[in-house]
Amino acid sequence: MARRTPARRRRRRTRGPKTIRKRACPGCGQMTCDNTRVPYVDYKDLAVLRRFVSDRGKIRSRRVTGACTQYQRRGAIAVKNAREMALLPYTNNQR
């Protein structure tokens, strides 16, 4: 009988702790916001508001946008005002 060679064993790579890089807030430009430099988010500035809205028309979360709490709140309110004024659609369903 022929001798079987042992199957190759895969070595597991040891992975260190994941380094989560903290993004700067797009409104403040700071890594940690101290609520002093949060600007006014204008509902008429559609280029800024597109950052807060997904392609389906939903308001994106803070985790996705990378905004601080104050800037995210003001952005969400500005998006809602722009929707009321018919500058932004409520949904973007195109079937």
C-alpha atoms as a PDB file:
ATOM      1  CA  MET A   1       0.000   0.000   0.000  1.00  0.00           C
ATOM      2  CA  ALA A   2       1.098   3.477  -0.780  1.00  0.00           C
ATOM      3  CA  ARG A   3       1.692   5.859   2.013  1.00  0.00           C
ATOM      4  CA  ARG A   4      -0.555   8.892   2.155  1.00  0.00           C
ATOM      5  CA  THR A   5       1.060  12.202   2.655  1.00  0.00           C
ATOM      6  CA  PRO A   6      -0.658  14.394   5.228  1.00  0.00           C
ATOM      7  CA  ALA A   7      -2.937  17.027   3.801  1.00  0.00           C
ATOM      8  CA  ARG A   8      -1.589  20.497   3.751  1.00  0.00           C
ATOM      9  CA  ARG A   9      -2.611  22.534   6.710  1.00  0.00           C
ATOM     10  CA  ARG A  10      -3.356  26.140   6.174  1.00  0.00           C
ATOM     11  CA  ARG A  11      -1.715  28.531   8.475  1.00  0.00           C
ATOM     12  CA  ARG A  12      -3.974  31.116   9.922  1.00  0.00           C
ATOM     13  CA  ARG A  13      -2.639  34.566   9.639  1.00  0.00           C
ATOM     14  CA  THR A  14      -2.730  36.399  12.876  1.00  0.00           C
ATOM     15  CA  ARG A  15      -4.475  39.660  12.410  1.00  0.00           C
ATOM     16  CA  GLY A  16      -3.928  42.487  14.775  1.00  0.00           C
ATOM     17  CA  PRO A  17      -6.682  44.713  16.044  1.00  0.00           C
ATOM     18  CA  LYS A  18      -8.473  46.550  13.286  1.00  0.00           C
ATOM     19  CA  THR A  19      -7.484  50.150  13.176  1.00  0.00           C
ATOM     20  CA  ILE A  20     -10.529  52.310  12.688  1.00  0.00           C
ATOM     21  CA  ARG A  21      -9.532  55.619  11.240  1.00  0.00           C
ATOM     22  CA  LYS A  22     -11.725  58.423  12.467  1.00  0.00           C
ATOM     23  CA  ARG A  23     -12.877  60.613   9.633  1.00  0.00           C
ATOM     24  CA  ALA A  24     -13.091  64.341   9.870  1.00  0.00           C
ATOM     25  CA  CYS A  25     -16.532  65.859   9.856  1.00  0.00           C
ATOM     26  CA  PRO A  26     -17.244  67.343   6.398  1.00  0.00           C
ATOM     27  CA  GLY A  27     -18.848  70.417   7.968  1.00  0.00           C
ATOM     28  CA  CYS A  28     -16.439  71.164  10.762  1.00  0.00           C
ATOM     29  CA  GLY A  29     -13.256  69.834   9.245  1.00  0.00           C
ATOM     30  CA  GLN A  30     -12.169  68.633  12.676  1.00  0.00           C
ATOM     31  CA  MET A  31     -11.622  65.141  13.997  1.00  0.00           C
ATOM     32  CA  THR A  32     -13.510  65.857  17.203  1.00  0.00           C
ATOM     33  CA  CYS A  33     -16.217  68.472  17.076  1.00  0.00           C
ATOM     34  CA  ASP A  34     -16.516  70.890  19.949  1.00  0.00           C
ATOM     35  CA  ASN A  35     -19.724  72.453  18.571  1.00  0.00           C
ATOM     36  CA  THR A  36     -18.014  75.728  17.830  1.00  0.00           C
ATOM     37  CA  ARG A  37     -17.408  75.487  14.095  1.00  0.00           C
ATOM     38  CA  VAL A  38     -20.589  73.810  12.907  1.00  0.00           C
ATOM     39  CA  PRO A  39     -21.779  75.954   9.996  1.00  0.00           C
ATOM     40  CA  TYR A  40     -25.293  76.617   8.846  1.00  0.00           C
ATOM     41  CA  VAL A  41     -26.399  74.049   6.294  1.00  0.00           C
ATOM     42  CA  ASP A  42     -28.441  75.803   3.642  1.00  0.00           C
ATOM     43  CA  TYR A  43     -31.394  73.944   2.162  1.00  0.00           C
ATOM     44  CA  LYS A  44     -30.787  75.637  -1.217  1.00  0.00           C
ATOM     45  CA  ASP A  45     -27.239  74.286  -1.539  1.00  0.00           C
ATOM     46  CA  LEU A  46     -27.977  71.021  -3.344  1.00  0.00           C
ATOM     47  CA  ALA A  47     -24.332  70.056  -3.801  1.00  0.00           C
ATOM     48  CA  VAL A  48     -23.916  69.816  -0.029  1.00  0.00           C
ATOM     49  CA  LEU A  49     -27.265  68.095   0.455  1.00  0.00           C
ATOM     50  CA  ARG A  50     -26.412  65.337  -2.032  1.00  0.00           C
ATOM     51  CA  ARG A  51     -23.850  64.148   0.502  1.00  0.00           C
ATOM     52  CA  PHE A  52     -26.663  63.440   2.973  1.00  0.00           C
ATOM     53  CA  VAL A  53     -29.019  61.695   0.528  1.00  0.00           C
ATOM     54  CA  SER A  54     -28.549  58.261  -1.037  1.00  0.00           C
ATOM     55  CA  ASP A  55     -29.282  57.497  -4.671  1.00  0.00           C
ATOM     56  CA  ARG A  56     -32.677  56.114  -3.602  1.00  0.00           C
ATOM     57  CA  GLY A  57     -33.605  59.371  -1.863  1.00  0.00           C
ATOM     58  CA  LYS A  58     -33.062  58.263   1.737  1.00  0.00           C
ATOM     59  CA  ILE A  59     -31.185  60.314   4.304  1.00  0.00           C
ATOM     60  CA  ARG A  60     -27.872  58.624   5.054  1.00  0.00           C
ATOM     61  CA  SER A  61     -26.769  57.847   8.588  1.00  0.00           C
ATOM     62  CA  ARG A  62     -23.958  59.523  10.488  1.00  0.00           C
ATOM     63  CA  ARG A  63     -21.897  56.370  10.208  1.00  0.00           C
ATOM     64  CA  VAL A  64     -21.988  56.642   6.412  1.00  0.00           C
ATOM     65  CA  THR A  65     -21.598  60.398   6.027  1.00  0.00           C
ATOM     66  CA  GLY A  66     -18.935  60.765   8.708  1.00  0.00           C
ATOM     67  CA  ALA A  67     -20.575  63.888  10.060  1.00  0.00           C
ATOM     68  CA  CYS A  68     -20.702  64.986  13.664  1.00  0.00           C
ATOM     69  CA  THR A  69     -24.012  64.919  15.513  1.00  0.00           C
ATOM     70  CA  GLN A  70     -24.762  68.610  15.116  1.00  0.00           C
ATOM     71  CA  TYR A  71     -23.884  68.714  11.417  1.00  0.00           C
ATOM     72  CA  GLN A  72     -25.905  65.556  10.717  1.00  0.00           C
ATOM     73  CA  ARG A  73     -28.986  66.990  12.438  1.00  0.00           C
ATOM     74  CA  ARG A  74     -28.750  70.258  10.566  1.00  0.00           C
ATOM     75  CA  GLY A  75     -28.183  68.405   7.310  1.00  0.00           C
ATOM     76  CA  ALA A  76     -31.243  66.208   7.862  1.00  0.00           C
ATOM     77  CA  ILE A  77     -33.396  69.248   8.598  1.00  0.00           C
ATOM     78  CA  ALA A  78     -32.064  70.991   5.481  1.00  0.00           C
ATOM     79  CA  VAL A  79     -32.880  67.918   3.372  1.00  0.00           C
ATOM     80  CA  LYS A  80     -36.424  67.874   4.728  1.00  0.00           C
ATOM     81  CA  ASN A  81     -36.826  71.592   3.987  1.00  0.00           C
ATOM     82  CA  ALA A  82     -35.488  71.103   0.452  1.00  0.00           C
ATOM     83  CA  ARG A  83     -37.996  68.298  -0.078  1.00  0.00           C
ATOM     84  CA  GLU A  84     -40.820  70.581   1.082  1.00  0.00           C
ATOM     85  CA  MET A  85     -39.694  73.237  -1.399  1.00  0.00           C
ATOM     86  CA  ALA A  86     -39.523  70.581  -4.172  1.00  0.00           C
ATOM     87  CA  LEU A  87     -35.776  71.013  -4.660  1.00  0.00           C
ATOM     88  CA  LEU A  88     -35.113  67.372  -3.755  1.00  0.00           C
ATOM     89  CA  PRO A  89     -37.380  64.397  -4.436  1.00  0.00           C
ATOM     90  CA  TYR A  90     -38.830  62.369  -1.590  1.00  0.00           C
ATOM     91  CA  THR A  91     -37.999  59.137  -3.402  1.00  0.00           C
ATOM     92  CA  ASN A  92     -36.044  58.329  -6.478  1.00  0.00           C
ATOM     93  CA  ASN A  93     -38.008  55.319  -7.746  1.00  0.00           C
ATOM     94  CA  GLN A  94     -37.661  54.965 -11.481  1.00  0.00           C
ATOM     95  CA  ARG A  95     -39.172  51.655 -12.538  1.00  0.00           C
END
